[in-house]
Amino acid sequence: MPLTFTLDPAFDPQLRDGLLELWTDVSNAGGSVGFVPPVTIEDIRPELLKHLTALVEGRTRLLVGRDESGAVAATAFLTLNTHRLMGHWLWLYTVMVHPSHQGKGYGRDLMAAAAEAARGMDGIEAIRLTCRGGTGVDRFYESCGYKEVGRVPDAIRVAPGDDRDDITMLLPLL
């Protein structure tokens, strides 16, 4: 069954808890979403609060994919660029598909839904995202139409002696 995507869903405790569980499960499965396992919901909560503050302030929009049971199964945060010379593109952050749903094509569905959402925003011509090198996720984004436009070697320290490249990718929408 495909996921059902909603841009800017009504925020309630069920969505909050679903986001926390998703982010924790993705992190603990080794996903590159800002943490290194093991993490708990309490480790994730302050970072989610930062994202929610940006939502309330209108700087970020939330895309949520729900599975057939209504559970949060995928997310992406679309963050508007506030620099006056760069308002024609946005950042895509915290792109996640629950580990139990990986391998079903939901990642591609999420990326397509994010691109569709961005196309619906006034003046947005491109999406940029960054990803952690050494995970293979850059190849996934390339298969979704993104191009590598920058790389900072060893910019992400996962652990002592384990530095990864910070890869910037771009998807033109026009």
Protein backbone atom coordinates (compact mmCIF):
# COMPACT_ATOMS: atom_id res chain seq x y z
CA MET A 1 0.00 0.00 0.00
CA PRO A 2 1.32 3.46 -0.83
CA LEU A 3 1.84 6.12 1.81
CA THR A 4 -0.55 9.04 2.11
CA PHE A 5 1.34 12.34 2.17
CA THR A 6 0.17 15.54 3.83
CA LEU A 7 1.92 18.89 3.72
CA ASP A 8 1.50 20.95 6.88
CA PRO A 9 -0.68 18.46 8.79
CA ALA A 10 -2.52 19.56 11.92
CA PHE A 11 -0.10 19.15 14.79
CA ASP A 12 -1.28 17.17 17.79
CA PRO A 13 0.26 14.86 20.42
CA GLN A 14 -0.20 11.82 18.15
CA LEU A 15 1.82 13.46 15.36
CA ARG A 16 4.46 14.65 17.83
CA ASP A 17 4.83 11.14 19.27
CA GLY A 18 4.90 9.62 15.76
CA LEU A 19 7.68 11.99 14.71
CA LEU A 20 9.69 11.21 17.85
CA GLU A 21 9.31 7.45 17.37
CA LEU A 22 10.17 7.65 13.66
CA TRP A 23 13.26 9.78 14.26
CA THR A 24 14.43 7.49 17.07
CA ASP A 25 13.87 4.30 15.06
CA VAL A 26 15.58 5.72 11.96
CA SER A 27 18.55 6.92 14.03
CA ASN A 28 18.90 3.59 15.82
CA ALA A 29 18.80 1.77 12.48
CA GLY A 30 21.82 3.83 11.38
CA GLY A 31 20.00 6.52 9.41
CA SER A 32 21.92 9.76 8.84
CA VAL A 33 19.47 12.14 10.47
CA GLY A 34 21.67 14.02 12.91
CA PHE A 35 22.35 11.36 15.50
CA VAL A 36 24.51 8.30 16.00
CA PRO A 37 22.93 5.27 17.67
CA PRO A 38 21.95 4.46 20.28
CA VAL A 39 19.45 7.24 20.96
CA THR A 40 16.23 7.56 22.91
CA ILE A 41 13.14 9.64 22.33
CA GLU A 42 14.45 12.02 24.99
CA ASP A 43 17.65 12.51 22.96
CA ILE A 44 15.57 13.42 19.90
CA ARG A 45 13.00 15.65 21.63
CA PRO A 46 15.13 18.87 21.78
CA GLU A 47 15.97 18.63 18.07
CA LEU A 48 12.31 18.07 17.17
CA LEU A 49 11.45 21.10 19.28
CA LYS A 50 13.82 23.21 17.13
CA HIS A 51 12.08 21.96 13.99
CA LEU A 52 8.65 22.68 15.48
CA THR A 53 9.70 26.21 16.42
CA ALA A 54 10.65 26.80 12.78
CA LEU A 55 7.22 25.44 11.75
CA VAL A 56 5.41 27.82 14.09
CA GLU A 57 7.54 30.73 12.87
CA GLY A 58 6.65 29.89 9.25
CA ARG A 59 10.26 29.18 8.22
CA THR A 60 9.71 25.45 7.73
CA ARG A 61 6.97 23.21 6.39
CA LEU A 62 6.40 19.59 7.33
CA LEU A 63 5.63 16.78 4.91
CA VAL A 64 4.35 13.61 6.56
CA GLY A 65 3.73 10.22 5.00
CA ARG A 66 1.37 7.88 6.83
CA ASP A 67 1.00 4.17 6.27
CA GLU A 68 -2.31 2.30 5.91
CA SER A 69 -2.76 2.21 9.70
CA GLY A 70 -2.28 5.98 9.95
CA ALA A 71 1.13 5.73 11.61
CA VAL A 72 3.84 8.26 10.73
CA ALA A 73 6.05 6.33 8.31
CA ALA A 74 8.00 9.07 6.51
CA THR A 75 8.83 12.75 6.88
CA ALA A 76 10.76 15.63 5.42
CA PHE A 77 11.09 19.22 6.57
CA LEU A 78 11.13 21.87 3.82
CA THR A 79 12.94 24.93 5.14
CA LEU A 80 12.64 28.23 3.34
CA ASN A 81 15.84 30.12 2.70
CA THR A 82 15.70 33.50 4.43
CA HIS A 83 18.67 35.05 2.64
CA ARG A 84 17.31 37.73 0.32
CA LEU A 85 19.44 36.55 -2.61
CA MET A 86 18.63 32.86 -2.16
CA GLY A 87 14.88 32.76 -1.65
CA HIS A 88 14.39 30.88 -4.92
CA TRP A 89 15.45 27.56 -3.38
CA LEU A 90 14.73 25.73 -0.13
CA TRP A 91 16.46 23.17 2.08
CA LEU A 92 15.16 19.65 2.58
CA TYR A 93 16.01 18.37 6.07
CA THR A 94 15.49 15.27 8.16
CA VAL A 95 14.32 13.04 5.34
CA MET A 96 13.18 9.77 6.93
CA VAL A 97 11.38 6.54 6.08
CA HIS A 98 10.73 4.11 8.91
CA PRO A 99 13.09 1.11 8.73
CA SER A 100 10.13 -1.30 8.59
CA HIS A 101 9.00 0.41 5.38
CA GLN A 102 12.34 0.67 3.60
CA GLY A 103 12.72 -1.23 0.35
CA LYS A 104 9.10 -0.59 -0.66
CA GLY A 105 9.74 2.49 -2.80
CA TYR A 106 8.49 4.85 -0.10
CA GLY A 107 11.74 6.84 -0.15
CA ARG A 108 11.18 7.67 -3.82
CA ASP A 109 7.56 8.48 -3.07
CA LEU A 110 8.67 10.82 -0.28
CA MET A 111 11.19 12.58 -2.51
CA ALA A 112 8.57 12.98 -5.27
CA ALA A 113 6.05 14.36 -2.76
CA ALA A 114 8.67 16.82 -1.45
CA ALA A 115 9.42 18.02 -4.98
CA GLU A 116 5.70 18.40 -5.69
CA ALA A 117 5.22 20.37 -2.47
CA ALA A 118 8.16 22.65 -3.31
CA ARG A 119 6.81 23.24 -6.82
CA GLY A 120 3.60 24.45 -5.21
CA MET A 121 5.42 27.15 -3.25
CA ASP A 122 5.70 30.60 -4.80
CA GLY A 123 9.11 31.35 -6.27
CA ILE A 124 10.81 28.05 -5.38
CA GLU A 125 12.98 26.83 -8.25
CA ALA A 126 15.19 24.22 -6.58
CA ILE A 127 15.70 22.00 -3.54
CA ARG A 128 19.02 21.59 -1.78
CA LEU A 129 19.89 18.96 0.77
CA THR A 130 22.98 17.66 2.47
CA CYS A 131 23.81 14.08 3.26
CA ARG A 132 26.49 12.14 5.09
CA GLY A 133 29.12 10.50 2.92
CA GLY A 134 29.92 6.82 3.30
CA THR A 135 26.29 5.75 3.60
CA GLY A 136 25.34 5.40 -0.08
CA VAL A 137 22.38 7.72 0.39
CA ASP A 138 23.92 10.16 -2.12
CA ARG A 139 23.40 7.50 -4.80
CA PHE A 140 19.75 7.25 -3.77
CA TYR A 141 19.30 11.02 -4.10
CA GLU A 142 21.03 10.96 -7.49
CA SER A 143 18.53 8.31 -8.62
CA CYS A 144 15.78 10.77 -7.61
CA GLY A 145 17.22 13.46 -9.90
CA TYR A 146 19.52 15.31 -7.49
CA LYS A 147 23.04 16.29 -8.56
CA GLU A 148 26.03 16.62 -6.27
CA VAL A 149 27.05 20.29 -6.23
CA GLY A 150 29.48 20.35 -3.33
CA ARG A 151 31.45 18.23 -0.90
CA VAL A 152 33.34 19.11 2.26
CA PRO A 153 35.72 16.27 3.11
CA ASP A 154 35.66 14.94 6.67
CA ALA A 155 33.17 17.60 7.83
CA ILE A 156 30.99 15.18 9.84
CA ARG A 157 32.56 13.41 12.80
CA VAL A 158 30.45 10.32 13.46
CA ALA A 159 32.95 9.01 16.02
CA PRO A 160 36.64 9.52 16.82
CA GLY A 161 38.52 8.40 13.71
CA ASP A 162 35.31 8.19 11.65
CA ASP A 163 34.94 11.43 9.70
CA ARG A 164 32.55 11.61 6.74
CA ASP A 165 32.10 13.99 3.85
CA ASP A 166 29.26 16.49 3.95
CA ILE A 167 27.68 16.26 0.49
CA THR A 168 25.43 19.01 -0.90
CA MET A 169 22.93 18.01 -3.58
CA LEU A 170 20.53 20.05 -5.73
CA LEU A 171 17.31 19.28 -7.56
CA PRO A 172 16.24 21.96 -10.06
CA LEU A 173 12.44 22.15 -10.21
CA LEU A 174 12.03 24.07 -13.47
